[in-house]
Amino acid sequence: MKAYSTEHLRNLAVIGHGDAGKTQLVSSLLYVAGTTPRWGKVDEGTSVTDYEEDSIERRLTLNNNFAYLRYGDEKVNFIDSPGYAEFVSHARPAIRVADLALVVVDGVNGIEVQTERTWNYANEFMLPRFMVVNKLDKERADFAHAVETATESFARSIVPFTLPIGSEEDFKGVIDVVHEKAFEFNEAGKAKEIPIPEDQKELVSSTREKLVEIVAESDDDLLEKYFDEGTLSDEDVIPNLSKAIAKSKLCPVFAVSAETLVGLSTLLDY
């Protein structure tokens, strides 16, 4: 078995409201990364982390459960935490030992009570965060509303790294705002680059402008350069993304569907 040095190990606490799709997200990420040859599904009782009979029968996570994947040179350890009120307190010790919190938001319901509770747990330990807006293939899913309510509820530093292409059952791809590329996904979750849709170019531009502004605010030298030049180059922005995230000055948001695998390989690339 390959040994990983500390800089190539990541410990992620997967947190959020119950039924946001955390457990399915973990199983789908393992499948897309190639760690598991079989795609585990919550509805079929075959998910990787909900293996106890009670969890399978009730289709909900009762305790912190663990999984890992290998992707490139990285090994990512997941702590899949409960999201229902009776069990959500388990998320707190998961957050305490993690390097990063992966906050999963239901794309239909947006920010919910236990989303706020687990977010506050992460605040308590000053833990950096990624946010995933899941279930964007579902009826009434609204990525923009989910991001807007997250920004209003938590922080203006929450910025999309990917934007959805299509909505509800037509959600088939994402736009990578950082690298200004678009991808569509097949049924196996494999990405193929496509042109950025014309009707979304303005949104990509405005989202990237906000991203540049947030990165600038994370560092005094960058902020001074931003004020002097009115913007920052890719050479200034991209190397400083991880630094801004580590300081909790930036929370990236990703558009995905754990049930159709759309957007997952792009999430893994970050």
Protein backbone atom coordinates (compact mmCIF):
# COMPACT_ATOMS: atom_id res chain seq x y z
CA MET A 1 0.00 0.00 0.00
CA LYS A 2 1.30 3.44 -0.93
CA ALA A 3 2.49 5.61 1.96
CA TYR A 4 1.40 9.26 1.85
CA SER A 5 3.34 12.11 3.38
CA THR A 6 1.46 14.62 5.51
CA GLU A 7 1.20 17.23 2.76
CA HIS A 8 -0.66 14.73 0.56
CA LEU A 9 -3.19 13.68 3.21
CA ARG A 10 -6.55 15.44 3.64
CA ASN A 11 -9.09 14.82 6.40
CA LEU A 12 -12.56 16.09 5.47
CA ALA A 13 -15.60 16.28 7.74
CA VAL A 14 -18.73 16.00 5.59
CA ILE A 15 -21.41 18.06 7.32
CA GLY A 16 -24.83 19.57 6.69
CA HIS A 17 -28.56 19.11 7.18
CA GLY A 18 -30.10 15.65 7.05
CA ASP A 19 -31.05 14.38 3.59
CA ALA A 20 -28.78 16.86 1.80
CA GLY A 21 -27.06 13.86 0.21
CA LYS A 22 -23.82 13.68 2.19
CA THR A 23 -23.56 9.89 2.25
CA GLN A 24 -24.38 9.56 -1.44
CA LEU A 25 -21.84 12.25 -2.23
CA VAL A 26 -19.07 10.32 -0.47
CA SER A 27 -19.96 7.07 -2.26
CA SER A 28 -20.14 8.84 -5.62
CA LEU A 29 -16.80 10.58 -5.11
CA LEU A 30 -15.15 7.25 -4.31
CA TYR A 31 -16.63 5.78 -7.49
CA VAL A 32 -15.60 8.69 -9.74
CA ALA A 33 -12.09 8.65 -8.27
CA GLY A 34 -11.79 4.95 -9.09
CA THR A 35 -11.32 3.90 -5.48
CA THR A 36 -14.39 1.65 -5.61
CA PRO A 37 -15.32 -0.27 -8.79
CA ARG A 38 -18.97 -0.40 -7.77
CA TRP A 39 -21.09 2.72 -7.40
CA GLY A 40 -22.63 2.53 -3.92
CA LYS A 41 -26.13 3.99 -3.63
CA VAL A 42 -28.09 4.95 -0.53
CA ASP A 43 -31.44 3.98 -2.10
CA GLU A 44 -30.12 0.47 -2.75
CA GLY A 45 -28.53 0.08 0.68
CA THR A 46 -25.06 -0.20 -0.84
CA SER A 47 -23.44 3.11 0.14
CA VAL A 48 -19.89 2.90 1.43
CA THR A 49 -20.39 4.62 4.79
CA ASP A 50 -23.93 3.64 5.83
CA TYR A 51 -23.31 -0.08 6.30
CA GLU A 52 -25.09 -0.69 9.62
CA GLU A 53 -28.48 -2.40 9.33
CA ASP A 54 -30.32 0.40 11.13
CA SER A 55 -28.81 3.06 8.87
CA ILE A 56 -29.62 1.06 5.74
CA GLU A 57 -33.21 0.46 6.82
CA ARG A 58 -33.83 4.09 7.80
CA ARG A 59 -31.69 5.53 4.98
CA LEU A 60 -29.96 7.97 7.28
CA THR A 61 -26.59 8.30 8.98
CA LEU A 62 -26.66 7.61 12.73
CA ASN A 63 -22.95 7.88 13.60
CA ASN A 64 -19.73 9.25 12.18
CA ASN A 65 -18.53 6.82 9.52
CA PHE A 66 -15.31 6.75 7.56
CA ALA A 67 -14.07 6.23 4.00
CA TYR A 68 -11.12 7.30 1.88
CA LEU A 69 -10.19 7.80 -1.74
CA ARG A 70 -6.99 8.20 -3.70
CA TYR A 71 -6.88 10.81 -6.43
CA GLY A 72 -3.63 11.64 -8.15
CA ASP A 73 -1.00 12.09 -5.47
CA GLU A 74 -3.57 12.78 -2.75
CA LYS A 75 -5.33 10.59 -0.22
CA VAL A 76 -8.58 12.04 1.13
CA ASN A 77 -10.12 10.68 4.33
CA PHE A 78 -13.83 11.38 4.79
CA ILE A 79 -15.78 11.53 8.04
CA ASP A 80 -19.42 11.19 6.98
CA SER A 81 -21.39 12.81 9.81
CA PRO A 82 -25.12 12.69 10.68
CA GLY A 83 -27.35 15.62 9.75
CA TYR A 84 -30.64 14.97 11.52
CA ALA A 85 -31.27 16.88 14.75
CA GLU A 86 -31.14 13.81 17.02
CA PHE A 87 -27.66 12.84 15.81
CA VAL A 88 -26.10 16.02 14.38
CA SER A 89 -23.99 16.62 17.50
CA HIS A 90 -21.71 13.85 16.18
CA ALA A 91 -20.53 16.36 13.58
CA ARG A 92 -18.74 18.43 16.21
CA PRO A 93 -15.98 15.89 17.06
CA ALA A 94 -15.65 15.13 13.33
CA ILE A 95 -14.96 18.80 12.68
CA ARG A 96 -12.52 18.96 15.55
CA VAL A 97 -10.13 16.44 13.94
CA ALA A 98 -10.62 17.48 10.31
CA ASP A 99 -8.49 19.73 8.09
CA LEU A 100 -11.51 20.95 6.14
CA ALA A 101 -15.30 20.82 6.36
CA LEU A 102 -17.25 19.84 3.25
CA VAL A 103 -20.61 21.55 3.78
CA VAL A 104 -23.31 19.82 1.73
CA VAL A 105 -26.39 21.89 0.87
CA ASP A 106 -29.61 20.58 -0.67
CA GLY A 107 -30.06 22.40 -3.98
CA VAL A 108 -33.84 22.32 -3.57
CA ASN A 109 -34.18 23.37 0.07
CA GLY A 110 -31.09 25.57 0.38
CA ILE A 111 -29.74 26.49 3.82
CA GLU A 112 -31.54 24.58 6.58
CA VAL A 113 -31.45 24.48 10.38
CA GLN A 114 -28.70 21.86 10.73
CA THR A 115 -26.68 23.53 7.96
CA GLU A 116 -26.46 26.54 10.23
CA ARG A 117 -25.71 24.43 13.29
CA THR A 118 -22.85 22.53 11.67
CA TRP A 119 -21.50 25.73 10.11
CA ASN A 120 -21.31 27.18 13.62
CA TYR A 121 -19.41 24.07 14.76
CA ALA A 122 -16.87 24.82 12.04
CA ASN A 123 -16.70 28.44 13.18
CA GLU A 124 -15.98 27.22 16.71
CA PHE A 125 -12.82 25.46 15.52
CA MET A 126 -12.03 28.05 12.81
CA LEU A 127 -12.06 25.26 10.23
CA PRO A 128 -11.74 26.08 6.52
CA ARG A 129 -14.71 25.04 4.37
CA PHE A 130 -15.80 23.97 0.90
CA MET A 131 -19.51 24.10 0.09
CA VAL A 132 -21.24 21.68 -2.26
CA VAL A 133 -24.71 22.43 -3.60
CA ASN A 134 -26.07 18.95 -4.30
CA LYS A 135 -29.19 17.52 -5.95
CA LEU A 136 -29.17 20.05 -8.78
CA ASP A 137 -30.81 17.44 -11.02
CA LYS A 138 -33.98 17.55 -8.90
CA GLU A 139 -37.18 19.44 -9.61
CA ARG A 140 -37.12 22.99 -8.18
CA ALA A 141 -33.36 22.87 -7.58
CA ASP A 142 -31.94 26.41 -7.63
CA PHE A 143 -28.18 26.87 -7.37
CA ALA A 144 -28.31 30.67 -7.40
CA HIS A 145 -30.82 30.77 -4.54
CA ALA A 146 -28.76 28.32 -2.47
CA VAL A 147 -25.62 30.44 -2.90
CA GLU A 148 -27.50 33.66 -2.20
CA THR A 149 -29.00 32.35 1.05
CA ALA A 150 -25.61 30.93 2.09
CA THR A 151 -23.97 34.30 1.53
CA GLU A 152 -26.71 36.06 3.50
CA SER A 153 -26.62 33.51 6.32
CA PHE A 154 -22.87 33.01 6.66
CA ALA A 155 -20.38 35.19 4.78
CA ARG A 156 -19.85 37.16 1.57
CA SER A 157 -16.65 35.14 1.06
CA ILE A 158 -18.75 32.22 -0.22
CA VAL A 159 -18.05 32.22 -3.97
CA PRO A 160 -18.86 29.66 -6.69
CA PHE A 161 -15.87 27.88 -8.20
CA THR A 162 -18.26 26.09 -10.54
CA LEU A 163 -21.59 27.14 -12.04
CA PRO A 164 -24.23 24.72 -13.34
CA ILE A 165 -24.98 24.25 -17.02
CA GLY A 166 -28.67 23.42 -17.32
CA SER A 167 -31.12 22.94 -14.47
CA GLU A 168 -33.20 20.18 -12.92
CA GLU A 169 -33.21 17.14 -15.25
CA ASP A 170 -31.18 19.11 -17.82
CA PHE A 171 -28.28 19.68 -15.40
CA LYS A 172 -25.52 18.07 -17.46
CA GLY A 173 -22.39 20.14 -16.91
CA VAL A 174 -20.51 22.83 -15.01
CA ILE A 175 -18.40 25.89 -15.75
CA ASP A 176 -15.08 26.12 -13.90
CA VAL A 177 -14.99 29.81 -12.97
CA VAL A 178 -11.35 29.77 -11.86
CA HIS A 179 -9.98 28.38 -15.13
CA GLU A 180 -12.83 29.66 -17.34
CA LYS A 181 -13.60 26.27 -18.85
CA ALA A 182 -16.84 24.33 -19.27
CA PHE A 183 -17.45 20.59 -19.01
CA GLU A 184 -20.28 18.18 -19.63
CA PHE A 185 -20.43 14.75 -18.01
CA ASN A 186 -21.45 11.31 -19.20
CA GLU A 187 -23.27 8.69 -17.14
CA ALA A 188 -19.96 7.49 -15.65
CA GLY A 189 -19.09 10.98 -14.45
CA LYS A 190 -16.38 11.51 -17.07
CA ALA A 191 -15.90 15.14 -18.07
CA LYS A 192 -15.56 16.46 -21.63
CA GLU A 193 -14.60 20.06 -22.25
CA ILE A 194 -17.13 22.14 -24.18
CA PRO A 195 -17.43 25.85 -25.01
CA ILE A 196 -18.82 28.09 -22.29
CA PRO A 197 -22.48 28.77 -23.20
CA GLU A 198 -22.91 32.26 -24.61
CA ASP A 199 -25.79 33.07 -22.26
CA GLN A 200 -23.62 32.36 -19.20
CA LYS A 201 -20.46 34.26 -20.13
CA GLU A 202 -21.58 37.43 -18.33
CA LEU A 203 -22.35 35.46 -15.15
CA VAL A 204 -18.95 33.73 -15.32
CA SER A 205 -17.25 37.12 -15.67
CA SER A 206 -19.08 38.71 -12.72
CA THR A 207 -18.52 35.63 -10.53
CA ARG A 208 -14.82 35.63 -11.33
CA GLU A 209 -14.59 39.34 -10.55
CA LYS A 210 -16.03 38.63 -7.11
CA LEU A 211 -13.56 35.77 -6.64
CA VAL A 212 -10.64 38.04 -7.50
CA GLU A 213 -11.91 40.64 -5.05
CA ILE A 214 -12.22 38.09 -2.21
CA VAL A 215 -8.72 36.73 -2.88
CA ALA A 216 -7.35 40.27 -2.86
CA GLU A 217 -8.97 40.93 0.51
CA SER A 218 -7.27 37.86 1.99
CA ASP A 219 -3.77 39.38 1.79
CA ASP A 220 -2.58 42.95 2.41
CA ASP A 221 -0.04 42.92 -0.44
CA LEU A 222 -2.59 41.54 -2.89
CA LEU A 223 -5.15 44.09 -1.77
CA GLU A 224 -2.71 46.94 -2.37
CA LYS A 225 -1.94 45.59 -5.84
CA TYR A 226 -5.67 45.18 -6.52
CA PHE A 227 -6.31 48.83 -5.63
CA ASP A 228 -3.38 49.98 -7.76
CA GLU A 229 -4.23 47.93 -10.87
CA GLY A 230 -7.99 47.40 -10.49
CA THR A 231 -7.65 43.63 -10.85
CA LEU A 232 -5.28 40.70 -10.30
CA SER A 233 -3.70 38.38 -12.85
CA ASP A 234 -4.08 34.59 -12.80
CA GLU A 235 -0.52 34.44 -11.49
CA ASP A 236 -1.70 36.36 -8.44
CA VAL A 237 -5.07 34.67 -8.00
CA ILE A 238 -4.61 30.93 -8.56
CA PRO A 239 -1.55 30.35 -6.29
CA ASN A 240 -3.31 32.24 -3.48
CA LEU A 241 -6.63 30.40 -3.57
CA SER A 242 -5.49 27.69 -1.17
CA LYS A 243 -4.01 30.30 1.18
CA ALA A 244 -7.28 32.24 1.28
CA ILE A 245 -9.23 29.03 1.92
CA ALA A 246 -6.82 27.95 4.69
CA LYS A 247 -7.33 31.30 6.43
CA SER A 248 -11.14 30.93 6.10
CA LYS A 249 -11.18 34.08 3.97
CA LEU A 250 -12.70 32.16 1.04
CA CYS A 251 -15.26 29.36 0.84
CA PRO A 252 -15.54 27.81 -2.64
CA VAL A 253 -18.93 26.52 -3.81
CA PHE A 254 -19.36 23.62 -6.24
CA ALA A 255 -22.42 22.67 -8.29
CA VAL A 256 -22.97 18.89 -8.31
CA SER A 257 -25.38 16.02 -8.41
CA ALA A 258 -24.22 12.99 -6.44
CA GLU A 259 -26.93 10.91 -8.11
CA THR A 260 -25.92 11.68 -11.70
CA LEU A 261 -22.18 12.28 -11.02
CA VAL A 262 -22.26 15.68 -12.69
CA GLY A 263 -19.58 18.04 -11.39
CA LEU A 264 -17.83 15.52 -9.14
CA SER A 265 -14.55 15.15 -11.05
CA THR A 266 -14.22 18.94 -11.14
CA LEU A 267 -14.69 19.03 -7.36
CA LEU A 268 -12.01 16.36 -6.97
CA ASP A 269 -9.58 18.40 -9.07
CA TYR A 270 -9.60 21.05 -6.36
